[in-house]
Amino acid sequence: MPLRRLLAPLAVAAAITLVACGGEPPDKEIQQAQNAIETAKDVGADLYAHDEFKAAQDALTHANEAVAQRDYRLALNHALDARDRAQTAARETAARKAAARLDAERALGRANIALATAHAKLKTAESAHMAPRLLAGPRKTMTSAESSVQKARAAMEKSDYPAVVDAANAATPRLQAVVKDLDAAAAPAPRRRH
């Protein structure tokens, strides 16, 4: 009996040591990390929380490398880190995506106003029978800028907010320049004093 009492704690200690040293690869934790990374990518973390998302991917890579080296404790640490970073990236994405949408809506709104203003000025200039040579440049610029606005609208439908901002911000100053040019061309020439 005394021998059994002595061996029982040793068996428990050996089992704990085996688990603590990582006798089995942390497959469940690695799979959880992989799932968390895929979920984060699905919500756009690769775009809106790039650094944290990349850190999660790197940690998962390190976890797999540690498994290959049979260092299961290190693999577990990396897998848990990867899962936590992926979940953080997904949370950050929600806030950043909402802010990006707001920025995109504002940029597209400015571009739409500039386009409508430019169209109105062009129509006024045409009604005033402004010389066609004076209208050629503004028309060409408007056609190009309008294409950018259409790209911005299409990007908005796809929720590609950075592309919306880029396209809209490319169009707005060109359209504003058209309005300025048409205003200058329509202004009466100063009268000379005799």
C-alpha atoms as a PDB file:
ATOM      1  CA  MET A   1       0.000   0.000   0.000  1.00  0.00           C
ATOM      2  CA  PRO A   2       2.678   2.550   0.838  1.00  0.00           C
ATOM      3  CA  LEU A   3       4.244   1.920  -2.564  1.00  0.00           C
ATOM      4  CA  ARG A   4       0.919   2.645  -4.275  1.00  0.00           C
ATOM      5  CA  ARG A   5       0.572   5.876  -2.362  1.00  0.00           C
ATOM      6  CA  LEU A   6       4.037   6.885  -3.461  1.00  0.00           C
ATOM      7  CA  LEU A   7       3.514   5.944  -7.112  1.00  0.00           C
ATOM      8  CA  ALA A   8       0.142   7.672  -7.481  1.00  0.00           C
ATOM      9  CA  PRO A   9       1.487  11.214  -6.974  1.00  0.00           C
ATOM     10  CA  LEU A  10       4.453  10.423  -9.216  1.00  0.00           C
ATOM     11  CA  ALA A  11       2.106   9.277 -11.988  1.00  0.00           C
ATOM     12  CA  VAL A  12       0.051  12.464 -11.631  1.00  0.00           C
ATOM     13  CA  ALA A  13       3.234  14.562 -11.661  1.00  0.00           C
ATOM     14  CA  ALA A  14       4.457  12.754 -14.768  1.00  0.00           C
ATOM     15  CA  ALA A  15       1.133  13.340 -16.517  1.00  0.00           C
ATOM     16  CA  ILE A  16       1.178  17.042 -15.616  1.00  0.00           C
ATOM     17  CA  THR A  17       4.779  17.330 -16.802  1.00  0.00           C
ATOM     18  CA  LEU A  18       3.897  15.618 -20.071  1.00  0.00           C
ATOM     19  CA  VAL A  19       0.956  17.979 -20.660  1.00  0.00           C
ATOM     20  CA  ALA A  20       2.960  21.018 -19.551  1.00  0.00           C
ATOM     21  CA  CYS A  21       5.804  20.109 -21.888  1.00  0.00           C
ATOM     22  CA  GLY A  22       3.304  19.794 -24.640  1.00  0.00           C
ATOM     23  CA  GLY A  23       3.021  16.111 -25.388  1.00  0.00           C
ATOM     24  CA  GLU A  24       0.374  16.759 -28.043  1.00  0.00           C
ATOM     25  CA  PRO A  25       0.282  19.421 -30.739  1.00  0.00           C
ATOM     26  CA  PRO A  26      -2.281  22.151 -30.034  1.00  0.00           C
ATOM     27  CA  ASP A  27      -4.414  21.246 -33.055  1.00  0.00           C
ATOM     28  CA  LYS A  28      -7.620  22.648 -31.568  1.00  0.00           C
ATOM     29  CA  GLU A  29      -6.033  26.022 -30.775  1.00  0.00           C
ATOM     30  CA  ILE A  30      -4.361  26.215 -34.191  1.00  0.00           C
ATOM     31  CA  GLN A  31      -7.710  25.523 -35.851  1.00  0.00           C
ATOM     32  CA  GLN A  32      -9.364  28.194 -33.695  1.00  0.00           C
ATOM     33  CA  ALA A  33      -6.669  30.656 -34.747  1.00  0.00           C
ATOM     34  CA  GLN A  34      -7.136  29.740 -38.408  1.00  0.00           C
ATOM     35  CA  ASN A  35     -10.908  30.216 -38.101  1.00  0.00           C
ATOM     36  CA  ALA A  36     -10.454  33.572 -36.356  1.00  0.00           C
ATOM     37  CA  ILE A  37      -8.103  34.735 -39.134  1.00  0.00           C
ATOM     38  CA  GLU A  38     -10.571  33.667 -41.826  1.00  0.00           C
ATOM     39  CA  THR A  39     -13.400  35.467 -40.021  1.00  0.00           C
ATOM     40  CA  ALA A  40     -11.278  38.605 -39.695  1.00  0.00           C
ATOM     41  CA  LYS A  41     -10.445  38.486 -43.412  1.00  0.00           C
ATOM     42  CA  ASP A  42     -14.128  38.046 -44.279  1.00  0.00           C
ATOM     43  CA  VAL A  43     -14.994  41.299 -42.481  1.00  0.00           C
ATOM     44  CA  GLY A  44     -12.117  43.160 -44.178  1.00  0.00           C
ATOM     45  CA  ALA A  45      -9.431  43.145 -41.506  1.00  0.00           C
ATOM     46  CA  ASP A  46      -6.749  42.724 -44.159  1.00  0.00           C
ATOM     47  CA  LEU A  47      -7.692  46.231 -45.371  1.00  0.00           C
ATOM     48  CA  TYR A  48      -8.900  48.058 -42.274  1.00  0.00           C
ATOM     49  CA  ALA A  49      -6.732  46.513 -39.518  1.00  0.00           C
ATOM     50  CA  HIS A  50      -3.815  45.430 -41.657  1.00  0.00           C
ATOM     51  CA  ASP A  51      -1.066  45.450 -39.020  1.00  0.00           C
ATOM     52  CA  GLU A  52      -2.994  43.435 -36.434  1.00  0.00           C
ATOM     53  CA  PHE A  53      -4.250  41.046 -39.133  1.00  0.00           C
ATOM     54  CA  LYS A  54      -0.709  40.509 -40.438  1.00  0.00           C
ATOM     55  CA  ALA A  55       0.520  39.891 -36.879  1.00  0.00           C
ATOM     56  CA  ALA A  56      -2.170  37.212 -36.475  1.00  0.00           C
ATOM     57  CA  GLN A  57      -1.077  35.524 -39.695  1.00  0.00           C
ATOM     58  CA  ASP A  58       2.564  35.646 -38.610  1.00  0.00           C
ATOM     59  CA  ALA A  59       1.727  34.169 -35.197  1.00  0.00           C
ATOM     60  CA  LEU A  60      -0.145  31.298 -36.875  1.00  0.00           C
ATOM     61  CA  THR A  61       2.856  30.667 -39.116  1.00  0.00           C
ATOM     62  CA  HIS A  62       5.087  30.565 -36.016  1.00  0.00           C
ATOM     63  CA  ALA A  63       2.657  28.147 -34.358  1.00  0.00           C
ATOM     64  CA  ASN A  64       2.878  25.776 -37.306  1.00  0.00           C
ATOM     65  CA  GLU A  65       6.665  26.077 -37.367  1.00  0.00           C
ATOM     66  CA  ALA A  66       6.802  25.258 -33.639  1.00  0.00           C
ATOM     67  CA  VAL A  67       4.645  22.161 -34.234  1.00  0.00           C
ATOM     68  CA  ALA A  68       7.062  21.058 -36.947  1.00  0.00           C
ATOM     69  CA  GLN A  69       9.877  21.431 -34.399  1.00  0.00           C
ATOM     70  CA  ARG A  70       7.778  19.526 -31.834  1.00  0.00           C
ATOM     71  CA  ASP A  71       7.806  22.489 -29.442  1.00  0.00           C
ATOM     72  CA  TYR A  72       4.140  22.209 -28.567  1.00  0.00           C
ATOM     73  CA  ARG A  73       4.200  24.704 -25.715  1.00  0.00           C
ATOM     74  CA  LEU A  74       5.565  27.404 -28.017  1.00  0.00           C
ATOM     75  CA  ALA A  75       3.086  26.333 -30.687  1.00  0.00           C
ATOM     76  CA  LEU A  76       0.239  26.755 -28.203  1.00  0.00           C
ATOM     77  CA  ASN A  77       1.449  30.236 -27.228  1.00  0.00           C
ATOM     78  CA  HIS A  78       1.645  31.309 -30.866  1.00  0.00           C
ATOM     79  CA  ALA A  79      -1.751  29.789 -31.691  1.00  0.00           C
ATOM     80  CA  LEU A  80      -3.416  31.622 -28.820  1.00  0.00           C
ATOM     81  CA  ASP A  81      -1.659  34.839 -29.818  1.00  0.00           C
ATOM     82  CA  ALA A  82      -2.813  34.394 -33.420  1.00  0.00           C
ATOM     83  CA  ARG A  83      -6.415  33.844 -32.340  1.00  0.00           C
ATOM     84  CA  ASP A  84      -6.400  36.876 -30.038  1.00  0.00           C
ATOM     85  CA  ARG A  85      -4.820  39.130 -32.657  1.00  0.00           C
ATOM     86  CA  ALA A  86      -7.295  38.003 -35.319  1.00  0.00           C
ATOM     87  CA  GLN A  87     -10.210  38.721 -33.008  1.00  0.00           C
ATOM     88  CA  THR A  88      -8.765  42.145 -32.203  1.00  0.00           C
ATOM     89  CA  ALA A  89      -8.324  42.856 -35.915  1.00  0.00           C
ATOM     90  CA  ALA A  90     -11.971  41.934 -36.547  1.00  0.00           C
ATOM     91  CA  ARG A  91     -13.134  44.309 -33.782  1.00  0.00           C
ATOM     92  CA  GLU A  92     -10.916  47.141 -35.034  1.00  0.00           C
ATOM     93  CA  THR A  93     -12.218  46.590 -38.551  1.00  0.00           C
ATOM     94  CA  ALA A  94     -15.804  47.316 -37.563  1.00  0.00           C
ATOM     95  CA  ALA A  95     -14.910  50.759 -36.207  1.00  0.00           C
ATOM     96  CA  ARG A  96     -12.502  51.627 -39.000  1.00  0.00           C
ATOM     97  CA  LYS A  97     -14.881  50.441 -41.699  1.00  0.00           C
ATOM     98  CA  ALA A  98     -17.645  52.682 -40.334  1.00  0.00           C
ATOM     99  CA  ALA A  99     -15.263  55.652 -40.367  1.00  0.00           C
ATOM    100  CA  ALA A 100     -14.103  54.784 -43.897  1.00  0.00           C
ATOM    101  CA  ARG A 101     -17.718  54.610 -45.083  1.00  0.00           C
ATOM    102  CA  LEU A 102     -18.399  58.047 -43.640  1.00  0.00           C
ATOM    103  CA  ASP A 103     -15.288  59.450 -45.348  1.00  0.00           C
ATOM    104  CA  ALA A 104     -16.345  57.823 -48.627  1.00  0.00           C
ATOM    105  CA  GLU A 105     -19.876  59.231 -48.390  1.00  0.00           C
ATOM    106  CA  ARG A 106     -18.502  62.719 -47.770  1.00  0.00           C
ATOM    107  CA  ALA A 107     -15.994  62.503 -50.626  1.00  0.00           C
ATOM    108  CA  LEU A 108     -18.650  61.204 -53.025  1.00  0.00           C
ATOM    109  CA  GLY A 109     -21.069  63.903 -51.876  1.00  0.00           C
ATOM    110  CA  ARG A 110     -18.503  66.619 -52.633  1.00  0.00           C
ATOM    111  CA  ALA A 111     -17.821  65.088 -56.048  1.00  0.00           C
ATOM    112  CA  ASN A 112     -21.551  64.889 -56.857  1.00  0.00           C
ATOM    113  CA  ILE A 113     -22.044  68.544 -55.896  1.00  0.00           C
ATOM    114  CA  ALA A 114     -19.029  69.602 -57.957  1.00  0.00           C
ATOM    115  CA  LEU A 115     -20.331  67.586 -60.937  1.00  0.00           C
ATOM    116  CA  ALA A 116     -23.821  69.095 -60.702  1.00  0.00           C
ATOM    117  CA  THR A 117     -22.363  72.602 -60.388  1.00  0.00           C
ATOM    118  CA  ALA A 118     -20.083  72.050 -63.390  1.00  0.00           C
ATOM    119  CA  HIS A 119     -23.009  70.745 -65.483  1.00  0.00           C
ATOM    120  CA  ALA A 120     -25.113  73.778 -64.535  1.00  0.00           C
ATOM    121  CA  LYS A 121     -22.287  76.186 -65.424  1.00  0.00           C
ATOM    122  CA  LEU A 122     -21.700  74.429 -68.738  1.00  0.00           C
ATOM    123  CA  LYS A 123     -25.401  74.575 -69.574  1.00  0.00           C
ATOM    124  CA  THR A 124     -25.472  78.291 -68.746  1.00  0.00           C
ATOM    125  CA  ALA A 125     -22.404  78.868 -70.920  1.00  0.00           C
ATOM    126  CA  GLU A 126     -23.992  76.974 -73.812  1.00  0.00           C
ATOM    127  CA  SER A 127     -27.233  78.942 -73.436  1.00  0.00           C
ATOM    128  CA  ALA A 128     -25.224  82.164 -73.567  1.00  0.00           C
ATOM    129  CA  HIS A 129     -23.698  80.941 -76.853  1.00  0.00           C
ATOM    130  CA  MET A 130     -20.178  81.024 -75.508  1.00  0.00           C
ATOM    131  CA  ALA A 131     -17.555  80.315 -78.164  1.00  0.00           C
ATOM    132  CA  PRO A 132     -17.145  76.544 -78.732  1.00  0.00           C
ATOM    133  CA  ARG A 133     -13.367  76.819 -78.387  1.00  0.00           C
ATOM    134  CA  LEU A 134     -13.848  78.129 -74.841  1.00  0.00           C
ATOM    135  CA  LEU A 135     -16.081  75.178 -73.977  1.00  0.00           C
ATOM    136  CA  ALA A 136     -13.915  72.420 -75.463  1.00  0.00           C
ATOM    137  CA  GLY A 137     -11.462  72.201 -72.541  1.00  0.00           C
ATOM    138  CA  PRO A 138     -14.107  72.236 -69.809  1.00  0.00           C
ATOM    139  CA  ARG A 139     -16.147  69.572 -71.641  1.00  0.00           C
ATOM    140  CA  LYS A 140     -13.126  67.301 -71.938  1.00  0.00           C
ATOM    141  CA  THR A 141     -12.231  67.743 -68.276  1.00  0.00           C
ATOM    142  CA  MET A 142     -15.842  67.120 -67.252  1.00  0.00           C
ATOM    143  CA  THR A 143     -16.009  63.897 -69.252  1.00  0.00           C
ATOM    144  CA  SER A 144     -12.891  62.593 -67.531  1.00  0.00           C
ATOM    145  CA  ALA A 145     -14.007  63.749 -64.085  1.00  0.00           C
ATOM    146  CA  GLU A 146     -17.484  62.293 -64.588  1.00  0.00           C
ATOM    147  CA  SER A 147     -15.860  58.932 -65.322  1.00  0.00           C
ATOM    148  CA  SER A 148     -14.053  59.165 -61.976  1.00  0.00           C
ATOM    149  CA  VAL A 149     -17.330  59.978 -60.201  1.00  0.00           C
ATOM    150  CA  GLN A 150     -18.948  56.937 -61.816  1.00  0.00           C
ATOM    151  CA  LYS A 151     -16.042  54.782 -60.616  1.00  0.00           C
ATOM    152  CA  ALA A 152     -16.540  56.194 -57.130  1.00  0.00           C
ATOM    153  CA  ARG A 153     -20.254  55.329 -57.226  1.00  0.00           C
ATOM    154  CA  ALA A 154     -19.510  51.788 -58.412  1.00  0.00           C
ATOM    155  CA  ALA A 155     -16.919  51.370 -55.657  1.00  0.00           C
ATOM    156  CA  MET A 156     -19.470  52.585 -53.097  1.00  0.00           C
ATOM    157  CA  GLU A 157     -21.887  49.858 -54.214  1.00  0.00           C
ATOM    158  CA  LYS A 158     -19.122  47.311 -53.570  1.00  0.00           C
ATOM    159  CA  SER A 159     -18.260  48.879 -50.187  1.00  0.00           C
ATOM    160  CA  ASP A 160     -14.725  49.563 -51.441  1.00  0.00           C
ATOM    161  CA  TYR A 161     -14.421  52.773 -49.450  1.00  0.00           C
ATOM    162  CA  PRO A 162     -10.741  53.555 -50.143  1.00  0.00           C
ATOM    163  CA  ALA A 163     -11.459  53.374 -53.899  1.00  0.00           C
ATOM    164  CA  VAL A 164     -14.460  55.683 -53.440  1.00  0.00           C
ATOM    165  CA  VAL A 165     -12.327  58.279 -51.712  1.00  0.00           C
ATOM    166  CA  ASP A 166      -9.543  58.025 -54.301  1.00  0.00           C
ATOM    167  CA  ALA A 167     -11.858  58.355 -57.313  1.00  0.00           C
ATOM    168  CA  ALA A 168     -14.034  61.080 -55.803  1.00  0.00           C
ATOM    169  CA  ASN A 169     -11.068  63.115 -54.600  1.00  0.00           C
ATOM    170  CA  ALA A 170      -9.513  62.857 -58.058  1.00  0.00           C
ATOM    171  CA  ALA A 171     -12.668  64.249 -59.689  1.00  0.00           C
ATOM    172  CA  THR A 172     -13.677  67.058 -57.307  1.00  0.00           C
ATOM    173  CA  PRO A 173     -10.797  69.519 -57.851  1.00  0.00           C
ATOM    174  CA  ARG A 174     -10.972  69.075 -61.625  1.00  0.00           C
ATOM    175  CA  LEU A 175     -14.687  69.828 -61.601  1.00  0.00           C
ATOM    176  CA  GLN A 176     -14.138  72.838 -59.361  1.00  0.00           C
ATOM    177  CA  ALA A 177     -11.503  74.080 -61.813  1.00  0.00           C
ATOM    178  CA  VAL A 178     -14.038  73.722 -64.676  1.00  0.00           C
ATOM    179  CA  VAL A 179     -16.529  75.873 -62.756  1.00  0.00           C
ATOM    180  CA  LYS A 180     -13.848  78.483 -62.116  1.00  0.00           C
ATOM    181  CA  ASP A 181     -12.795  78.495 -65.776  1.00  0.00           C
ATOM    182  CA  LEU A 182     -16.386  78.808 -66.999  1.00  0.00           C
ATOM    183  CA  ASP A 183     -17.055  81.647 -64.560  1.00  0.00           C
ATOM    184  CA  ALA A 184     -13.934  83.445 -65.770  1.00  0.00           C
ATOM    185  CA  ALA A 185     -14.877  82.952 -69.428  1.00  0.00           C
ATOM    186  CA  ALA A 186     -18.421  84.204 -68.811  1.00  0.00           C
ATOM    187  CA  ALA A 187     -17.321  87.328 -66.919  1.00  0.00           C
ATOM    188  CA  PRO A 188     -17.703  90.505 -68.983  1.00  0.00           C
ATOM    189  CA  ALA A 189     -14.493  92.092 -70.160  1.00  0.00           C
ATOM    190  CA  PRO A 190     -13.575  95.236 -68.219  1.00  0.00           C
ATOM    191  CA  ARG A 191     -14.470  98.452 -70.014  1.00  0.00           C
ATOM    192  CA  ARG A 192     -11.692 100.717 -71.076  1.00  0.00           C
ATOM    193  CA  ARG A 193     -11.852 104.354 -70.143  1.00  0.00           C
ATOM    194  CA  HIS A 194     -11.446 106.853 -72.912  1.00  0.00           C
END
